Amino acid sequence: MTIQDAQKLVDNWIKDHGVRYFNELTNTAVLMEEVGEVARIMARRYGEQSEKESDKNMELGDELADVLFVLICIANQTGVDLTKAMELNLKKKTTRDELRHVNNPKLI
């Protein structure tokens, strides 16, 4: 699936099942909630916090997909073509960071 396909799929899902997009501010808050759920898994499963019994049924992939879904919703409702945005962003990073990471002694 391409990013463009994902944007269309989410838009169709919203039209068929979601009634309408939540407003941009609400979706931003929902995105933060979803990122928090990813952070909870990371801190407990891969970090130093102990995992509660209630956390053990949380799936990282599912939570990452929730983040991606809401991110795509925000892009769709604000007219952002994520394929184009990603291409431009990688171009920017490549130009800006061409030697930055290669020359970073912390990464060797």
N, C-alpha and C. Protein backbone atom coordinates (compact mmCIF):
# COMPACT_ATOMS: atom_id res chain seq x y z
N MET A 1 0.84 -1.17 0.00
CA MET A 1 0.00 0.00 0.00
C MET A 1 0.89 1.24 0.00
N THR A 2 0.59 2.18 -0.85
CA THR A 2 1.33 3.44 -0.88
C THR A 2 0.73 4.41 0.14
N ILE A 3 1.45 5.47 0.41
CA ILE A 3 0.92 6.50 1.31
C ILE A 3 -0.35 7.10 0.70
N GLN A 4 -0.34 7.32 -0.60
CA GLN A 4 -1.52 7.86 -1.29
C GLN A 4 -2.71 6.91 -1.14
N ASP A 5 -2.44 5.61 -1.28
CA ASP A 5 -3.51 4.61 -1.07
C ASP A 5 -4.06 4.70 0.35
N ALA A 6 -3.16 4.83 1.32
CA ALA A 6 -3.58 4.92 2.73
C ALA A 6 -4.44 6.16 2.95
N GLN A 7 -4.06 7.28 2.34
CA GLN A 7 -4.87 8.49 2.50
C GLN A 7 -6.27 8.30 1.93
N LYS A 8 -6.38 7.64 0.78
CA LYS A 8 -7.69 7.37 0.18
C LYS A 8 -8.49 6.39 1.04
N LEU A 9 -7.82 5.35 1.52
CA LEU A 9 -8.47 4.33 2.34
C LEU A 9 -9.06 4.95 3.60
N VAL A 10 -8.27 5.78 4.28
CA VAL A 10 -8.75 6.44 5.51
C VAL A 10 -9.91 7.37 5.18
N ASP A 11 -9.80 8.14 4.10
CA ASP A 11 -10.88 9.05 3.72
C ASP A 11 -12.17 8.27 3.46
N ASN A 12 -12.05 7.17 2.74
CA ASN A 12 -13.25 6.35 2.48
C ASN A 12 -13.82 5.77 3.76
N TRP A 13 -12.95 5.35 4.67
CA TRP A 13 -13.42 4.81 5.94
C TRP A 13 -14.18 5.87 6.73
N ILE A 14 -13.63 7.07 6.76
CA ILE A 14 -14.31 8.17 7.48
C ILE A 14 -15.69 8.41 6.86
N LYS A 15 -15.77 8.45 5.55
CA LYS A 15 -17.05 8.69 4.88
C LYS A 15 -18.04 7.56 5.12
N ASP A 16 -17.54 6.31 5.14
CA ASP A 16 -18.43 5.15 5.28
C ASP A 16 -18.79 4.82 6.72
N HIS A 17 -17.86 5.06 7.66
CA HIS A 17 -18.05 4.61 9.04
C HIS A 17 -17.92 5.71 10.09
N GLY A 18 -17.20 6.75 9.76
CA GLY A 18 -16.91 7.77 10.77
C GLY A 18 -17.81 8.98 10.74
N VAL A 19 -18.73 9.02 9.82
CA VAL A 19 -19.67 10.12 9.60
C VAL A 19 -18.95 11.35 9.04
N ARG A 20 -17.96 11.85 9.77
CA ARG A 20 -17.16 13.00 9.32
C ARG A 20 -15.86 13.01 10.11
N TYR A 21 -14.92 13.81 9.65
CA TYR A 21 -13.68 13.99 10.41
C TYR A 21 -13.97 14.79 11.66
N PHE A 22 -13.31 14.45 12.76
CA PHE A 22 -13.31 15.35 13.91
C PHE A 22 -12.58 16.61 13.47
N ASN A 23 -12.82 17.73 14.12
CA ASN A 23 -12.10 18.95 13.71
C ASN A 23 -10.61 18.78 13.98
N GLU A 24 -9.84 19.66 13.39
CA GLU A 24 -8.38 19.55 13.43
C GLU A 24 -7.83 19.57 14.85
N LEU A 25 -8.38 20.39 15.69
CA LEU A 25 -7.91 20.47 17.07
C LEU A 25 -8.20 19.18 17.82
N THR A 26 -9.41 18.64 17.64
CA THR A 26 -9.75 17.38 18.28
C THR A 26 -8.83 16.27 17.79
N ASN A 27 -8.59 16.21 16.47
CA ASN A 27 -7.71 15.17 15.95
C ASN A 27 -6.28 15.32 16.44
N THR A 28 -5.84 16.55 16.68
CA THR A 28 -4.51 16.75 17.24
C THR A 28 -4.45 16.19 18.66
N ALA A 29 -5.49 16.42 19.43
CA ALA A 29 -5.55 15.88 20.79
C ALA A 29 -5.61 14.35 20.75
N VAL A 30 -6.39 13.79 19.82
CA VAL A 30 -6.47 12.33 19.69
C VAL A 30 -5.10 11.77 19.29
N LEU A 31 -4.39 12.47 18.40
CA LEU A 31 -3.05 12.04 18.00
C LEU A 31 -2.13 11.98 19.22
N MET A 32 -2.19 12.99 20.08
CA MET A 32 -1.35 13.00 21.28
C MET A 32 -1.71 11.82 22.20
N GLU A 33 -3.01 11.51 22.31
CA GLU A 33 -3.43 10.36 23.11
C GLU A 33 -2.82 9.07 22.56
N GLU A 34 -2.89 8.92 21.25
CA GLU A 34 -2.38 7.70 20.61
C GLU A 34 -0.86 7.60 20.75
N VAL A 35 -0.16 8.71 20.60
CA VAL A 35 1.29 8.72 20.79
C VAL A 35 1.61 8.35 22.24
N GLY A 36 0.80 8.81 23.17
CA GLY A 36 0.98 8.45 24.58
C GLY A 36 0.86 6.95 24.81
N GLU A 37 -0.05 6.30 24.09
CA GLU A 37 -0.20 4.86 24.22
C GLU A 37 1.04 4.13 23.68
N VAL A 38 1.60 4.64 22.59
CA VAL A 38 2.86 4.08 22.07
C VAL A 38 3.96 4.28 23.10
N ALA A 39 4.04 5.47 23.67
CA ALA A 39 5.07 5.77 24.67
C ALA A 39 4.94 4.86 25.89
N ARG A 40 3.72 4.57 26.28
CA ARG A 40 3.49 3.69 27.42
C ARG A 40 4.07 2.30 27.15
N ILE A 41 3.80 1.75 25.96
CA ILE A 41 4.35 0.44 25.61
C ILE A 41 5.87 0.49 25.58
N MET A 42 6.42 1.51 24.95
CA MET A 42 7.88 1.61 24.82
C MET A 42 8.55 1.71 26.19
N ALA A 43 7.98 2.53 27.08
CA ALA A 43 8.58 2.73 28.40
C ALA A 43 8.52 1.47 29.24
N ARG A 44 7.44 0.70 29.09
CA ARG A 44 7.26 -0.47 29.93
C ARG A 44 7.85 -1.74 29.33
N ARG A 45 7.74 -1.89 28.03
CA ARG A 45 8.21 -3.12 27.39
C ARG A 45 9.68 -3.05 27.01
N TYR A 46 10.13 -1.87 26.60
CA TYR A 46 11.52 -1.72 26.13
C TYR A 46 12.35 -0.83 27.03
N GLY A 47 11.68 -0.08 27.89
CA GLY A 47 12.39 0.82 28.80
C GLY A 47 12.52 0.22 30.18
N GLU A 48 12.68 1.06 31.16
CA GLU A 48 12.99 0.62 32.52
C GLU A 48 11.77 0.49 33.41
N GLN A 49 10.61 0.98 32.97
CA GLN A 49 9.42 0.83 33.79
C GLN A 49 8.91 -0.60 33.73
N SER A 50 8.32 -1.05 34.82
CA SER A 50 7.75 -2.40 34.81
C SER A 50 6.38 -2.36 34.13
N GLU A 51 6.10 -3.45 33.43
CA GLU A 51 4.85 -3.53 32.67
C GLU A 51 3.74 -4.04 33.59
N LYS A 52 2.64 -3.31 33.63
CA LYS A 52 1.49 -3.74 34.42
C LYS A 52 0.78 -4.85 33.67
N GLU A 53 0.05 -5.65 34.40
CA GLU A 53 -0.69 -6.75 33.78
C GLU A 53 -1.65 -6.22 32.71
N SER A 54 -2.25 -5.07 32.98
CA SER A 54 -3.20 -4.49 32.02
C SER A 54 -2.52 -3.98 30.74
N ASP A 55 -1.20 -3.78 30.78
CA ASP A 55 -0.47 -3.31 29.60
C ASP A 55 -0.06 -4.46 28.68
N LYS A 56 -0.04 -5.67 29.21
CA LYS A 56 0.53 -6.80 28.47
C LYS A 56 -0.27 -7.19 27.23
N ASN A 57 -1.53 -6.79 27.17
CA ASN A 57 -2.33 -7.12 25.98
C ASN A 57 -2.28 -6.03 24.92
N MET A 58 -1.55 -4.94 25.19
CA MET A 58 -1.43 -3.87 24.21
C MET A 58 -0.43 -4.28 23.12
N GLU A 59 -0.81 -4.11 21.88
CA GLU A 59 0.05 -4.46 20.75
C GLU A 59 0.68 -3.21 20.17
N LEU A 60 1.99 -3.18 20.11
CA LEU A 60 2.69 -2.01 19.58
C LEU A 60 2.26 -1.69 18.15
N GLY A 61 2.16 -2.71 17.31
CA GLY A 61 1.75 -2.49 15.91
C GLY A 61 0.38 -1.84 15.81
N ASP A 62 -0.55 -2.28 16.64
CA ASP A 62 -1.89 -1.71 16.64
C ASP A 62 -1.87 -0.25 17.06
N GLU A 63 -1.08 0.04 18.09
CA GLU A 63 -0.99 1.43 18.57
C GLU A 63 -0.29 2.33 17.55
N LEU A 64 0.74 1.81 16.88
CA LEU A 64 1.39 2.59 15.83
C LEU A 64 0.42 2.84 14.68
N ALA A 65 -0.40 1.85 14.36
CA ALA A 65 -1.41 2.03 13.31
C ALA A 65 -2.44 3.09 13.71
N ASP A 66 -2.79 3.14 14.99
CA ASP A 66 -3.70 4.20 15.47
C ASP A 66 -3.08 5.58 15.25
N VAL A 67 -1.79 5.71 15.55
CA VAL A 67 -1.08 6.98 15.33
C VAL A 67 -1.12 7.34 13.85
N LEU A 68 -0.80 6.37 13.01
CA LEU A 68 -0.78 6.61 11.57
C LEU A 68 -2.16 6.99 11.05
N PHE A 69 -3.20 6.33 11.53
CA PHE A 69 -4.56 6.63 11.11
C PHE A 69 -4.92 8.09 11.41
N VAL A 70 -4.68 8.51 12.64
CA VAL A 70 -5.04 9.88 13.02
C VAL A 70 -4.16 10.89 12.28
N LEU A 71 -2.89 10.58 12.09
CA LEU A 71 -1.99 11.45 11.33
C LEU A 71 -2.51 11.62 9.90
N ILE A 72 -2.95 10.52 9.30
CA ILE A 72 -3.52 10.60 7.95
C ILE A 72 -4.81 11.40 7.95
N CYS A 73 -5.63 11.25 8.98
CA CYS A 73 -6.85 12.07 9.09
C CYS A 73 -6.50 13.55 9.06
N ILE A 74 -5.53 13.94 9.85
CA ILE A 74 -5.12 15.35 9.91
C ILE A 74 -4.62 15.81 8.55
N ALA A 75 -3.81 14.99 7.89
CA ALA A 75 -3.32 15.34 6.55
C ALA A 75 -4.48 15.50 5.58
N ASN A 76 -5.40 14.57 5.59
CA ASN A 76 -6.53 14.64 4.67
C ASN A 76 -7.37 15.88 4.89
N GLN A 77 -7.67 16.19 6.13
CA GLN A 77 -8.57 17.30 6.38
C GLN A 77 -7.90 18.66 6.20
N THR A 78 -6.57 18.67 6.15
CA THR A 78 -5.86 19.94 5.94
C THR A 78 -5.28 20.04 4.53
N GLY A 79 -5.55 19.05 3.69
CA GLY A 79 -5.12 19.10 2.30
C GLY A 79 -3.65 18.79 2.08
N VAL A 80 -3.03 18.04 2.99
CA VAL A 80 -1.62 17.69 2.85
C VAL A 80 -1.49 16.38 2.08
N ASP A 81 -0.74 16.41 1.00
CA ASP A 81 -0.39 15.20 0.26
C ASP A 81 0.84 14.63 0.95
N LEU A 82 0.65 13.56 1.71
CA LEU A 82 1.75 13.02 2.51
C LEU A 82 2.88 12.45 1.66
N THR A 83 2.56 11.96 0.47
CA THR A 83 3.62 11.46 -0.42
C THR A 83 4.54 12.60 -0.80
N LYS A 84 3.96 13.70 -1.24
CA LYS A 84 4.75 14.86 -1.63
C LYS A 84 5.49 15.43 -0.43
N ALA A 85 4.80 15.52 0.71
CA ALA A 85 5.42 16.07 1.92
C ALA A 85 6.60 15.21 2.35
N MET A 86 6.46 13.89 2.26
CA MET A 86 7.55 12.99 2.65
C MET A 86 8.74 13.12 1.70
N GLU A 87 8.46 13.21 0.40
CA GLU A 87 9.53 13.38 -0.57
C GLU A 87 10.30 14.66 -0.32
N LEU A 88 9.58 15.76 -0.08
CA LEU A 88 10.24 17.04 0.20
C LEU A 88 11.01 17.00 1.52
N ASN A 89 10.44 16.32 2.51
CA ASN A 89 11.09 16.24 3.81
C ASN A 89 12.39 15.44 3.72
N LEU A 90 12.37 14.34 2.99
CA LEU A 90 13.60 13.55 2.83
C LEU A 90 14.66 14.31 2.05
N LYS A 91 14.21 15.08 1.07
CA LYS A 91 15.15 15.91 0.31
C LYS A 91 15.81 16.94 1.23
N LYS A 92 15.00 17.57 2.08
CA LYS A 92 15.51 18.55 3.04
C LYS A 92 16.52 17.90 3.99
N LYS A 93 16.14 16.74 4.54
CA LYS A 93 17.02 16.05 5.47
C LYS A 93 18.32 15.63 4.79
N THR A 94 18.23 15.16 3.56
CA THR A 94 19.42 14.72 2.83
C THR A 94 20.38 15.88 2.62
N THR A 95 19.84 17.02 2.26
CA THR A 95 20.68 18.20 2.05
C THR A 95 21.26 18.69 3.37
N ARG A 96 20.43 18.83 4.36
CA ARG A 96 20.85 19.38 5.65
C ARG A 96 21.78 18.45 6.40
N ASP A 97 21.51 17.15 6.33
CA ASP A 97 22.23 16.19 7.17
C ASP A 97 23.15 15.28 6.37
N GLU A 98 23.58 15.74 5.21
CA GLU A 98 24.37 14.89 4.32
C GLU A 98 25.53 14.21 5.05
N LEU A 99 26.26 14.95 5.87
CA LEU A 99 27.42 14.38 6.56
C LEU A 99 27.25 14.37 8.08
N ARG A 100 26.16 14.92 8.56
CA ARG A 100 25.97 15.09 10.00
C ARG A 100 26.06 13.76 10.75
N HIS A 101 25.35 12.75 10.30
CA HIS A 101 25.31 11.49 11.03
C HIS A 101 26.57 10.66 10.75
N VAL A 102 27.07 10.74 9.55
CA VAL A 102 28.30 10.02 9.18
C VAL A 102 29.47 10.49 10.04
N ASN A 103 29.50 11.77 10.35
CA ASN A 103 30.59 12.35 11.12
C ASN A 103 30.32 12.39 12.63
N ASN A 104 29.25 11.77 13.08
CA ASN A 104 28.90 11.78 14.49
C ASN A 104 29.60 10.62 15.20
N PRO A 105 30.59 10.91 16.05
CA PRO A 105 31.34 9.85 16.72
C PRO A 105 30.47 9.01 17.65
N LYS A 106 29.32 9.54 18.05
CA LYS A 106 28.41 8.77 18.93
C LYS A 106 27.75 7.61 18.18
N LEU A 107 27.76 7.68 16.85
CA LEU A 107 27.09 6.66 16.07
C LEU A 107 28.03 5.58 15.54
N ILE A 108 29.31 5.75 15.82
CA ILE A 108 30.30 4.79 15.31
C ILE A 108 30.40 3.61 16.23
